[in-house]
Every structure is written in C-alpha cells, then in structure tokens.
C-alpha cells in the first residue's frame, strides 16, 4: 500500500506539472495584460510570424511575476503531495512551515504589486508605449525584457529564483517528513531580489 501511495504521489506531481505547462502555453494565466489592442496588432504586423493573424491567435508576452508565482506554487504543492503520500506517518501542515509561508507570501505579494504597477501605467499612459503591448517573443525573452530589451533587474530576479528553487528541492530530497526550511539569509535575499525587481519595474514604460 505504501508503494501505491508513493507511486500515486509521482503521478499526481507529473499531472500537476503537465497541467501547469498546458495552462502556461495555451492560456493567458501567465501572460501580461494588453491595454492597447491597436498597438498590439501594429506590433504584431511588423513580425512576419504574426502578420495576418487575428488578435485572438497572437500570444501575449509572458509575465515574470506571474511565472515566478506559478513556479513556486507548483514546486511547493508537488513537495507537499510527495511528502504526504510517500513518507510513512507524515502529517504535514503548511501553517507550521515558515519557509513555505514566506516563499508563497513573497511571490504572491510580488505578483500583486507588479499587477498594481501595470494597472497604474495603463491608467496614466506616458510618451513611451507599454512594452507589454507587443506579441510574445518567446518565453525567455518575454520575462527577461523591458522596454529597453534584456534588463539586469529581471535577470537577477530570474537567476535568484532558480537558485532558491534548486536549494528548496535539494533540501526536500534530503530526508525527513517536514517541508524544507531555508535559513533567514536565503529568505532575506529572496525578498531583496523581488523588491529590487519591483523597484526598477516602477520605471518601466516611463
């Protein structure tokens, strides 16, 4: 029976990842909002692969904040399900995991504040058009780029997110029933990374 539940945890994890990927690439769940369809279509017309396509057929650019929030949600949910079903006698509570609550809180807060910044730029359009009003140029280019192209504040946020996820997964496979705990310094650096991204995002589209 224990083997069955462990196998079930892996099946559920794979299904969760596949479902996330399908939503990511075939819906707008991780994509930016478009506030100027005319500018969006004009930008699309200048790109050969999108020329002649209808608005609904042209993918929006990916959002860095939404992508980060989605990744942490999938990673934490997968670890939780695996520990609960695969480790005998494991009775988990996310409420007792400081790291889990902190990571979800940081990523959720970053997404909320990034959305607020975007809403503000939509309501007060500047001379420079919003760089989000253009078709997707590919996942990596979308999340790395602002109005000036690839930017250092987005790169540092992506790099640190990848590092933090690797450390979290490594600790999750180190044994034990409890959810992984990162030390205070790592959590602080995660917060600083997201704060830096948000602070410099304020100047995008200005």
Protein backbone atom coordinates (compact mmCIF):
# COMPACT_ATOMS: atom_id res chain seq x y z
CA UNK A 1 0.00 0.00 0.00
CA UNK A 2 2.88 2.32 0.81
CA UNK A 3 4.31 1.76 -2.68
CA UNK A 4 0.90 2.52 -4.18
CA UNK A 5 0.65 5.90 -2.41
CA UNK A 6 4.22 6.76 -3.33
CA UNK A 7 3.50 5.96 -6.99
CA UNK A 8 0.30 7.98 -6.74
CA UNK A 9 2.28 10.99 -5.46
CA UNK A 10 4.55 10.85 -8.53
CA UNK A 11 1.57 10.50 -10.87
CA UNK A 12 -0.15 13.49 -9.26
CA UNK A 13 3.06 15.51 -9.45
CA UNK A 14 3.53 14.76 -13.15
CA UNK A 15 -0.13 15.60 -13.86
CA UNK A 16 0.20 18.88 -11.92
CA UNK A 17 3.31 19.87 -13.89
CA UNK A 18 1.70 18.94 -17.22
CA UNK A 19 -1.47 20.84 -16.35
CA UNK A 20 0.60 23.88 -15.39
CA UNK A 21 2.58 23.75 -18.64
CA UNK A 22 -0.59 23.40 -20.74
CA UNK A 23 -2.16 26.39 -19.00
CA UNK A 24 1.08 28.35 -19.28
CA UNK A 25 1.41 27.99 -23.03
CA UNK A 26 -2.22 27.68 -24.17
CA UNK A 27 -3.94 30.24 -21.94
CA UNK A 28 -3.24 33.74 -20.58
CA UNK A 29 -2.71 32.59 -16.98
CA UNK A 30 0.98 33.62 -17.00
CA UNK A 31 0.76 36.39 -19.58
CA UNK A 32 0.63 40.20 -19.36
CA UNK A 33 -2.50 42.24 -19.94
CA UNK A 34 -2.92 44.22 -23.15
CA UNK A 35 -4.40 47.70 -22.71
CA UNK A 36 -3.96 48.90 -26.30
CA UNK A 37 -5.14 46.28 -28.83
CA UNK A 38 -4.39 48.65 -31.74
CA UNK A 39 -0.72 48.99 -30.69
CA UNK A 40 -0.58 45.25 -30.06
CA UNK A 41 -1.82 44.48 -33.57
CA UNK A 42 0.51 47.09 -35.11
CA UNK A 43 3.49 45.48 -33.38
CA UNK A 44 2.30 42.05 -34.50
CA UNK A 45 2.04 43.20 -38.12
CA UNK A 46 5.76 44.05 -38.09
CA UNK A 47 6.64 40.47 -37.13
CA UNK A 48 6.42 38.01 -40.05
CA UNK A 49 5.22 35.05 -37.96
CA UNK A 50 2.23 37.03 -36.66
CA UNK A 51 1.40 39.09 -39.75
CA UNK A 52 -2.14 38.47 -40.96
CA UNK A 53 -3.26 36.65 -37.82
CA UNK A 54 -6.31 37.62 -35.77
CA UNK A 55 -5.97 39.21 -32.32
CA UNK A 56 -7.04 36.01 -30.56
CA UNK A 57 -4.40 33.99 -32.42
CA UNK A 58 -1.46 36.11 -31.30
CA UNK A 59 0.06 35.19 -27.90
CA UNK A 60 0.59 37.87 -25.29
CA UNK A 61 4.04 38.24 -23.66
CA UNK A 62 4.77 36.20 -20.52
CA UNK A 63 4.79 37.97 -17.15
CA UNK A 64 7.84 37.46 -14.92
CA UNK A 65 5.91 37.94 -11.66
CA UNK A 66 3.11 35.56 -12.64
CA UNK A 67 5.64 32.98 -13.85
CA UNK A 68 7.54 33.13 -10.56
CA UNK A 69 4.33 32.77 -8.53
CA UNK A 70 3.21 29.85 -10.69
CA UNK A 71 6.56 28.05 -10.35
CA UNK A 72 6.65 28.35 -6.56
CA UNK A 73 3.04 27.14 -6.34
CA UNK A 74 3.82 24.03 -8.40
CA UNK A 75 7.09 23.30 -6.58
CA UNK A 76 5.61 23.63 -3.08
CA UNK A 77 2.42 21.75 -3.96
CA UNK A 78 4.46 18.90 -5.51
CA UNK A 79 6.71 18.57 -2.45
CA UNK A 80 3.70 18.68 -0.13
CA UNK A 81 1.86 15.92 -2.01
CA UNK A 82 5.01 13.77 -2.24
CA UNK A 83 5.80 14.03 1.47
CA UNK A 84 2.20 13.44 2.49
CA UNK A 85 1.70 10.31 0.38
CA UNK A 86 5.21 8.87 0.07
CA UNK A 87 6.69 9.28 3.56
CA UNK A 88 5.09 6.94 6.06
CA UNK A 89 3.37 8.62 9.00
CA UNK A 90 3.94 12.11 7.60
CA UNK A 91 1.24 14.53 8.77
CA UNK A 92 2.09 17.89 7.24
CA UNK A 93 0.78 21.36 7.90
CA UNK A 94 1.91 24.24 5.72
CA UNK A 95 0.97 26.60 8.57
CA UNK A 96 3.97 25.35 10.57
CA UNK A 97 6.48 25.87 7.75
CA UNK A 98 7.96 29.36 7.98
CA UNK A 99 9.80 28.99 4.68
CA UNK A 100 6.74 27.80 2.76
CA UNK A 101 4.59 30.66 4.02
CA UNK A 102 7.37 33.17 3.35
CA UNK A 103 8.02 31.97 -0.20
CA UNK A 104 4.34 31.91 -1.12
CA UNK A 105 3.86 35.29 0.54
CA UNK A 106 6.81 36.88 -1.27
CA UNK A 107 5.81 35.52 -4.68
CA UNK A 108 2.12 36.38 -4.18
CA UNK A 109 2.99 39.87 -2.96
CA UNK A 110 5.34 40.41 -5.90
CA UNK A 111 2.60 39.39 -8.34
CA UNK A 112 0.05 41.68 -6.68
CA UNK A 113 2.38 44.69 -6.63
CA UNK A 114 3.56 44.06 -10.20
CA UNK A 115 -0.08 43.97 -11.31
CA UNK A 116 -0.74 47.24 -9.46
CA UNK A 117 2.24 48.87 -11.19
CA UNK A 118 0.97 47.67 -14.57
CA UNK A 119 -2.56 48.93 -13.85
CA UNK A 120 -1.13 52.32 -12.93
CA UNK A 121 0.81 52.56 -16.19
CA UNK A 122 -2.35 51.63 -18.10
CA UNK A 123 -4.31 54.45 -16.47
CA UNK A 124 -1.54 57.02 -16.96
CA UNK A 125 -0.01 56.29 -20.37
CA UNK A 126 3.31 58.01 -20.97
CA UNK A 127 5.15 59.02 -24.09
CA UNK A 128 6.80 55.60 -24.31
CA UNK A 129 4.25 52.86 -25.16
CA UNK A 130 3.94 49.95 -22.74
CA UNK A 131 6.36 47.24 -23.81
CA UNK A 132 3.72 44.66 -22.82
CA UNK A 133 1.61 45.76 -25.80
CA UNK A 134 3.51 43.52 -28.17
CA UNK A 135 3.28 39.82 -29.07
CA UNK A 136 5.31 37.20 -27.28
CA UNK A 137 8.89 36.96 -28.48
CA UNK A 138 9.45 33.66 -26.72
CA UNK A 139 9.28 32.73 -23.04
CA UNK A 140 12.80 33.75 -22.01
CA UNK A 141 12.85 37.00 -23.98
CA UNK A 142 9.47 37.97 -22.56
CA UNK A 143 10.40 37.56 -18.90
CA UNK A 144 13.91 38.99 -19.34
CA UNK A 145 12.97 42.10 -21.30
CA UNK A 146 11.54 45.52 -20.54
CA UNK A 147 11.11 48.46 -22.93
CA UNK A 148 14.90 48.64 -23.44
CA UNK A 149 15.40 44.94 -24.09
CA UNK A 150 17.00 42.42 -21.73
CA UNK A 151 17.34 44.06 -18.30
CA UNK A 152 19.59 43.36 -15.31
CA UNK A 153 16.84 43.62 -12.68
CA UNK A 154 14.78 40.95 -14.40
CA UNK A 155 17.85 38.77 -14.94
CA UNK A 156 18.83 38.92 -11.26
CA UNK A 157 15.29 38.03 -10.20
CA UNK A 158 15.17 35.02 -12.52
CA UNK A 159 18.66 33.87 -11.52
CA UNK A 160 17.91 34.06 -7.80
CA UNK A 161 14.52 32.37 -8.21
CA UNK A 162 16.22 29.44 -9.98
CA UNK A 163 18.85 29.23 -7.22
CA UNK A 164 16.22 29.33 -4.46
CA UNK A 165 14.11 26.62 -6.14
CA UNK A 166 17.16 24.35 -6.57
CA UNK A 167 18.07 24.76 -2.88
CA UNK A 168 14.46 24.15 -1.82
CA UNK A 169 14.25 20.96 -3.90
CA UNK A 170 17.65 19.75 -2.63
CA UNK A 171 16.54 20.16 0.97
CA UNK A 172 13.24 18.42 0.14
CA UNK A 173 15.13 15.31 -1.03
CA UNK A 174 17.46 15.24 1.97
CA UNK A 175 15.05 13.12 4.01
CA UNK A 176 12.63 13.81 6.79
CA UNK A 177 8.92 14.50 6.90
CA UNK A 178 8.89 18.26 7.39
CA UNK A 179 8.69 20.68 4.49
CA UNK A 180 12.07 22.20 3.56
CA UNK A 181 13.25 25.16 5.62
CA UNK A 182 15.62 27.77 4.21
CA UNK A 183 17.72 29.88 6.54
CA UNK A 184 16.86 33.51 7.19
CA UNK A 185 19.61 34.82 4.93
CA UNK A 186 18.26 32.97 1.89
CA UNK A 187 14.73 34.20 2.56
CA UNK A 188 16.01 37.74 3.03
CA UNK A 189 17.90 37.56 -0.27
CA UNK A 190 14.73 36.29 -1.97
CA UNK A 191 12.83 39.27 -0.59
CA UNK A 192 15.57 41.69 -1.67
CA UNK A 193 15.62 40.17 -5.18
CA UNK A 194 11.88 40.65 -5.58
CA UNK A 195 11.96 44.13 -4.05
CA UNK A 196 14.72 45.14 -6.48
CA UNK A 197 12.69 43.85 -9.41
CA UNK A 198 9.59 45.75 -8.27
CA UNK A 199 11.53 48.94 -7.54
CA UNK A 200 13.04 49.06 -11.01
CA UNK A 201 9.80 47.90 -12.62
CA UNK A 202 8.31 51.23 -11.48
CA UNK A 203 10.49 52.94 -14.09
CA UNK A 204 9.46 50.66 -16.94
CA UNK A 205 7.26 52.33 -19.54
CA UNK A 206 8.39 55.81 -18.44
